[in-house]
Amino acid sequence: MVNKNAQDWLNEKYPNKEQVETIDASSLERLKIDQPSKLEINDYPCLKKIDLSLVTLHYRIPTLTHLTIKNCPQLETVSNNKELQRVITQQLIIHNCPRLKRLICPFSGIVDLNLSEVDSLEVIDAWSNELTNFNFLTSLNPKNMTYLIINDNNFLSADLTPFAPLINLKKLWIGNNQFCGSLEPLKNMNKLEDLNIDNTDLDSGLEYLPNNLKEFWCSASQRKDARVKFIEQELRNCSEPRFSNFASSLLNWKKANTEKVKIVQQAQIVQAYPHSIFGSSKK
C-alpha cells in the first residue's frame, strides 16, 4: 500500500461502524504515507477502545497533523502506549465521548489538546508532549479525575490555581515545566499520594500538602536555577530523601514546623465548618 492516507486506511479496515468495538493502529505503520495526514474517528456507536500504539519497529511512524475522535458513546480508553512506538499527532480533539475514562497519550507530539463532553474522564497521561496551555482542564469533571500526568511539556509560566478544583487526584505529575509560586492551590487534595514537581519554579507551601503523600519528587537536578531547589533544600535540612522520594522528609518537615501546619489546619476547619470555634467571630 503506497501513498495511502490514514483516513482511507480506517474506512477500509473498519467499514461497518456499528460492529466495531476496538480500533487497532498496529497496521497503520505499514502504510507508506509521504505526507502528514488527518484522521477522524467519528460516530462509532459500539467502540470501546482505540489503541494507537504501534507494534513493531520495522516501519517509520506515520504523522497525523490532526486526530479527531467524536460521538463515540461507548468509548472508554484511548491509548498511545509509551512503551512502544506512537502515532504522532499535533492536535488531538475528543468530543462527545461521555464514557471515556482513560486518555493515555505520552510522547505523541501533541501541541493542542481539545476536550469537550468527556465528563467521565479519570486518567490523563500526556507526559512529554508539546502542550503550551492547560485549557483542556476546564472541560473536565474535576471530581472524577484521579491521575494527571503532564510532565515535560512546554507550558508557559503559571501558578497552580487551575489544578485546585481537581480535589480527588491521587497522582499529579507536573515536573519539568515552568509552574511557579506556592503549593497552596493543592491544599484540598486530601487523596493525593504521588506528586512530582521536579525542576519547576514552585518554591513554597509545603504546609499545604496532605500527610498521606507516599511519593514526593521535588529535585532541581536537571535545572540548577529552578526555584524548587529551595523546597528541596528545606526538606534535606530535615532528613535525606529515600531514592529521591521526599515523602518521609515532608513528614519530618511538618513536625519541625508545627505552627505553619496548625494555621493551615485551622483554616481548613473554618472552610469546612464556618460556625466552629475557629470560624466564630470574636465578641
Protein backbone atom coordinates (compact mmCIF):
# COMPACT_ATOMS: atom_id res chain seq x y z
CA MET A 1 0.00 0.00 0.00
CA VAL A 2 1.67 3.18 -1.21
CA ASN A 3 0.77 6.83 -0.63
CA LYS A 4 -2.39 5.87 1.21
CA ASN A 5 -3.71 8.27 3.80
CA ALA A 6 -4.76 7.38 7.33
CA GLN A 7 -8.46 8.10 6.72
CA ASP A 8 -8.64 5.64 3.81
CA TRP A 9 -6.92 3.06 6.00
CA LEU A 10 -9.54 3.48 8.72
CA ASN A 11 -12.51 3.40 6.33
CA GLU A 12 -11.28 0.24 4.62
CA LYS A 13 -10.24 -1.62 7.76
CA TYR A 14 -13.38 -0.78 9.74
CA PRO A 15 -16.15 -0.30 7.16
CA ASN A 16 -19.03 -1.35 9.43
CA LYS A 17 -19.04 1.23 12.20
CA GLU A 18 -21.92 -0.41 14.09
CA GLN A 19 -19.89 -3.58 14.77
CA VAL A 20 -16.52 -2.07 15.76
CA GLU A 21 -15.52 -2.34 19.44
CA THR A 22 -11.76 -1.82 19.09
CA ILE A 23 -9.69 0.19 16.63
CA ASP A 24 -6.11 -1.06 16.49
CA ALA A 25 -3.46 1.06 14.76
CA SER A 26 -0.90 -1.73 14.50
CA SER A 27 -1.29 -1.98 10.73
CA LEU A 28 -1.24 1.78 10.22
CA GLU A 29 2.56 1.77 10.44
CA ARG A 30 2.79 -0.33 7.27
CA LEU A 31 1.35 2.47 5.18
CA LYS A 32 3.95 4.40 3.24
CA ILE A 33 2.48 7.84 3.82
CA ASP A 34 4.58 10.53 2.15
CA GLN A 35 2.69 13.47 3.64
CA PRO A 36 1.26 14.04 7.12
CA SER A 37 -2.46 13.36 7.16
CA LYS A 38 -5.61 13.82 9.23
CA LEU A 39 -7.65 11.08 10.84
CA GLU A 40 -11.24 11.32 12.05
CA ILE A 41 -12.73 8.54 14.17
CA ASN A 42 -16.35 9.61 14.39
CA ASP A 43 -19.75 8.03 15.03
CA TYR A 44 -18.80 4.54 16.19
CA PRO A 45 -21.72 3.54 18.46
CA CYS A 46 -20.12 0.42 19.98
CA LEU A 47 -16.46 1.46 20.02
CA LYS A 48 -14.84 0.89 23.45
CA LYS A 49 -11.10 1.21 22.82
CA ILE A 50 -8.76 3.00 20.43
CA ASP A 51 -5.20 1.67 20.53
CA LEU A 52 -2.78 3.99 18.74
CA SER A 53 0.36 2.13 19.79
CA LEU A 54 2.46 0.61 17.04
CA VAL A 55 3.66 -2.95 17.48
CA THR A 56 6.92 -3.30 15.55
CA LEU A 57 9.93 -1.14 14.82
CA HIS A 58 10.25 -2.06 11.15
CA TYR A 59 8.35 0.87 9.71
CA ARG A 60 8.57 4.61 10.21
CA ILE A 61 5.88 6.25 12.30
CA PRO A 62 3.04 7.91 10.37
CA THR A 63 2.44 11.54 11.34
CA LEU A 64 -1.05 12.90 11.81
CA THR A 65 -1.49 16.64 11.84
CA HIS A 66 -4.94 16.22 13.40
CA LEU A 67 -6.62 13.33 15.17
CA THR A 68 -10.32 13.83 15.89
CA ILE A 69 -12.48 11.44 17.91
CA LYS A 70 -16.18 12.36 18.12
CA ASN A 71 -19.53 10.87 19.00
CA CYS A 72 -18.41 7.52 20.34
CA PRO A 73 -20.82 6.95 23.25
CA GLN A 74 -19.27 3.66 24.50
CA LEU A 75 -15.61 4.67 24.19
CA GLU A 76 -13.68 4.10 27.43
CA THR A 77 -9.98 4.14 26.50
CA VAL A 78 -7.72 5.98 24.06
CA SER A 79 -4.21 4.62 24.42
CA ASN A 80 -0.88 5.54 22.85
CA ASN A 81 1.30 3.25 24.95
CA LYS A 82 4.59 4.85 25.98
CA GLU A 83 6.47 1.53 25.94
CA LEU A 84 6.02 1.22 22.17
CA GLN A 85 6.20 3.49 19.17
CA ARG A 86 3.40 6.01 18.93
CA VAL A 87 1.25 7.58 16.28
CA ILE A 88 2.35 11.22 16.31
CA THR A 89 -0.25 13.98 16.10
CA GLN A 90 -0.09 17.75 16.52
CA GLN A 91 -3.72 18.25 17.50
CA LEU A 92 -5.93 15.82 19.39
CA ILE A 93 -9.66 16.61 19.59
CA ILE A 94 -12.05 14.44 21.59
CA HIS A 95 -15.72 15.45 21.67
CA ASN A 96 -18.88 13.80 22.97
CA CYS A 97 -17.39 10.62 24.37
CA PRO A 98 -19.28 10.58 27.69
CA ARG A 99 -17.86 7.25 28.94
CA LEU A 100 -14.22 7.94 28.19
CA LYS A 101 -12.19 7.21 31.33
CA ARG A 102 -8.58 6.87 30.20
CA LEU A 103 -6.57 9.04 27.80
CA ILE A 104 -3.02 7.70 27.54
CA CYS A 105 -1.00 9.75 25.04
CA PRO A 106 2.63 10.25 26.18
CA PHE A 107 5.45 11.11 23.75
CA SER A 108 2.95 11.93 20.99
CA GLY A 109 4.00 15.41 19.86
CA ILE A 110 0.65 16.94 20.84
CA VAL A 111 0.61 20.74 20.73
CA ASP A 112 -3.14 21.25 21.15
CA LEU A 113 -5.34 19.01 23.30
CA ASN A 114 -9.01 19.89 22.88
CA LEU A 115 -11.51 18.04 25.08
CA SER A 116 -15.27 18.52 25.40
CA GLU A 117 -18.15 16.43 26.76
CA VAL A 118 -15.85 13.89 28.38
CA ASP A 119 -17.32 14.05 31.88
CA SER A 120 -16.25 10.53 32.90
CA LEU A 121 -12.55 11.07 32.27
CA GLU A 122 -10.44 9.83 35.21
CA VAL A 123 -6.92 9.49 33.82
CA ILE A 124 -4.86 11.72 31.53
CA ASP A 125 -1.27 10.76 30.77
CA ALA A 126 0.15 13.40 28.42
CA TRP A 127 3.74 13.09 29.55
CA SER A 128 6.39 14.54 27.21
CA ASN A 129 4.33 16.30 24.58
CA GLU A 130 4.45 19.88 23.26
CA LEU A 131 1.47 21.32 25.13
CA THR A 132 1.67 25.07 25.85
CA ASN A 133 -1.60 25.58 27.74
CA PHE A 134 -3.89 23.59 30.00
CA ASN A 135 -7.23 24.90 28.79
CA PHE A 136 -8.35 21.29 28.47
CA LEU A 137 -8.66 21.17 32.27
CA THR A 138 -11.73 23.40 32.14
CA SER A 139 -13.62 20.75 30.13
CA LEU A 140 -13.18 18.02 32.74
CA ASN A 141 -15.44 16.97 35.57
CA PRO A 142 -12.91 17.74 38.31
CA LYS A 143 -14.39 15.32 40.83
CA ASN A 144 -13.79 12.34 38.52
CA MET A 145 -10.12 12.99 37.79
CA THR A 146 -7.72 10.73 39.74
CA TYR A 147 -4.50 10.75 37.67
CA LEU A 148 -2.98 13.68 35.78
CA ILE A 149 0.49 13.31 34.27
CA ILE A 150 1.74 16.28 32.23
CA ASN A 151 5.48 16.24 32.92
CA ASP A 152 7.84 17.54 30.23
CA ASN A 153 5.62 19.82 28.19
CA ASN A 154 6.03 23.46 27.09
CA PHE A 155 3.56 25.19 29.41
CA LEU A 156 4.08 28.90 29.88
CA SER A 157 4.94 30.11 33.37
CA ALA A 158 1.87 29.88 35.62
CA ASP A 159 0.84 29.11 39.19
CA LEU A 160 -1.12 26.03 40.25
CA THR A 161 -4.54 27.68 40.52
CA PRO A 162 -6.03 25.75 37.52
CA PHE A 163 -5.40 22.48 39.36
CA ALA A 164 -7.25 23.49 42.55
CA PRO A 165 -10.65 22.01 41.51
CA LEU A 166 -9.13 18.54 40.99
CA ILE A 167 -9.63 17.61 44.64
CA ASN A 168 -9.79 13.83 44.09
CA LEU A 169 -6.44 13.46 42.39
CA LYS A 170 -4.27 10.61 43.64
CA LYS A 171 -1.41 11.30 41.26
CA LEU A 172 -0.23 14.67 39.91
CA TRP A 173 2.97 14.90 37.87
CA ILE A 174 3.77 18.39 36.58
CA GLY A 175 7.58 18.33 36.69
CA ASN A 176 9.92 19.81 34.09
CA ASN A 177 7.52 22.67 33.36
CA GLN A 178 7.57 26.35 34.32
CA PHE A 179 4.99 26.24 37.10
CA CYS A 180 5.81 28.77 39.80
CA GLY A 181 4.77 30.09 43.19
CA SER A 182 3.20 28.20 46.07
CA LEU A 183 1.76 24.73 46.52
CA GLU A 184 -1.24 26.27 48.29
CA PRO A 185 -3.73 25.55 45.42
CA LEU A 186 -3.25 21.84 46.19
CA LYS A 187 -4.44 22.25 49.79
CA ASN A 188 -7.76 20.41 49.30
CA MET A 189 -6.24 17.40 47.54
CA ASN A 190 -6.57 15.15 50.57
CA LYS A 191 -6.36 11.96 48.48
CA LEU A 192 -3.09 12.91 46.78
CA GLU A 193 -0.49 10.14 47.10
CA ASP A 194 2.05 10.90 44.36
CA LEU A 195 3.28 14.42 43.48
CA ASN A 196 6.07 15.33 41.07
CA ILE A 197 7.28 18.96 40.85
CA ASP A 198 10.84 18.25 39.72
CA ASN A 199 12.67 21.15 38.05
CA THR A 200 9.80 23.63 38.39
CA ASP A 201 9.84 27.12 39.93
CA LEU A 202 7.48 26.19 42.77
CA ASP A 203 9.21 27.38 45.92
CA SER A 204 6.87 27.34 48.93
CA GLY A 205 3.73 25.95 50.54
CA LEU A 206 4.86 22.61 51.97
CA GLU A 207 2.43 23.07 54.85
CA TYR A 208 -0.49 22.73 52.41
CA LEU A 209 0.40 19.21 51.25
CA PRO A 210 -1.51 16.21 52.69
CA ASN A 211 0.12 13.82 55.14
CA ASN A 212 -0.75 10.78 53.05
CA LEU A 213 1.76 11.51 50.27
CA LYS A 214 3.66 8.30 49.56
CA GLU A 215 5.81 9.73 46.79
CA PHE A 216 7.02 13.33 46.55
CA TRP A 217 9.53 14.31 43.89
CA CYS A 218 10.96 17.84 44.13
CA SER A 219 14.50 17.80 42.81
CA ALA A 220 16.25 20.54 40.82
CA SER A 221 18.77 18.08 39.41
CA GLN A 222 18.09 18.85 35.73
CA ARG A 223 17.76 22.63 36.09
CA LYS A 224 20.03 24.09 38.73
CA ASP A 225 18.33 27.51 38.68
CA ALA A 226 14.86 26.03 39.26
CA ARG A 227 13.31 27.59 42.36
CA VAL A 228 12.12 24.19 43.55
CA LYS A 229 15.68 23.90 44.88
CA PHE A 230 14.50 25.93 47.89
CA ILE A 231 11.89 23.29 48.70
CA GLU A 232 14.42 20.53 48.11
CA GLN A 233 16.96 22.10 50.44
CA GLU A 234 14.37 22.80 53.14
CA LEU A 235 13.40 19.14 53.15
CA ARG A 236 17.01 17.94 53.09
CA ASN A 237 17.63 20.02 56.19
CA CYS A 238 15.10 17.78 57.96
CA SER A 239 16.14 14.44 56.50
CA GLU A 240 17.65 12.99 53.35
CA PRO A 241 15.23 11.53 50.81
CA ARG A 242 14.95 7.86 50.04
CA PHE A 243 15.92 7.35 46.39
CA SER A 244 14.93 10.98 45.61
CA ASN A 245 11.50 10.46 47.18
CA PHE A 246 10.94 13.26 49.72
CA ALA A 247 7.69 11.94 51.24
CA SER A 248 9.32 11.00 54.57
CA SER A 249 11.28 14.26 54.59
CA LEU A 250 8.00 16.14 54.23
CA LEU A 251 6.57 14.48 57.35
CA ASN A 252 9.72 15.41 59.26
CA TRP A 253 9.48 18.97 57.98
CA LYS A 254 5.89 19.21 59.23
CA LYS A 255 6.96 18.02 62.68
CA ALA A 256 9.56 20.79 62.73
CA ASN A 257 7.08 23.43 61.51
CA THR A 258 4.03 22.75 63.61
CA GLU A 259 2.89 26.39 63.75
CA LYS A 260 2.65 26.67 59.95
CA VAL A 261 0.81 23.37 59.76
CA LYS A 262 -1.56 24.36 62.57
CA ILE A 263 -2.55 27.60 60.81
CA VAL A 264 -3.43 25.66 57.66
CA GLN A 265 -5.42 23.07 59.60
CA GLN A 266 -7.42 25.75 61.38
CA ALA A 267 -8.17 27.49 58.09
CA GLN A 268 -9.41 24.20 56.65
CA ILE A 269 -11.72 23.70 59.65
CA VAL A 270 -13.14 27.19 59.14
CA GLN A 271 -13.72 26.43 55.47
CA ALA A 272 -15.49 23.14 56.24
CA TYR A 273 -17.29 24.28 59.39
CA PRO A 274 -17.70 28.07 59.34
CA HIS A 275 -19.58 28.04 62.66
CA SER A 276 -16.84 26.18 64.54
CA ILE A 277 -14.90 27.88 67.35
CA PHE A 278 -12.25 28.83 64.80
CA GLY A 279 -14.81 30.37 62.47
CA SER A 280 -16.79 32.24 65.09
CA SER A 281 -16.17 35.96 65.20
CA LYS A 282 -14.80 37.36 68.43
CA LYS A 283 -17.17 39.39 70.54
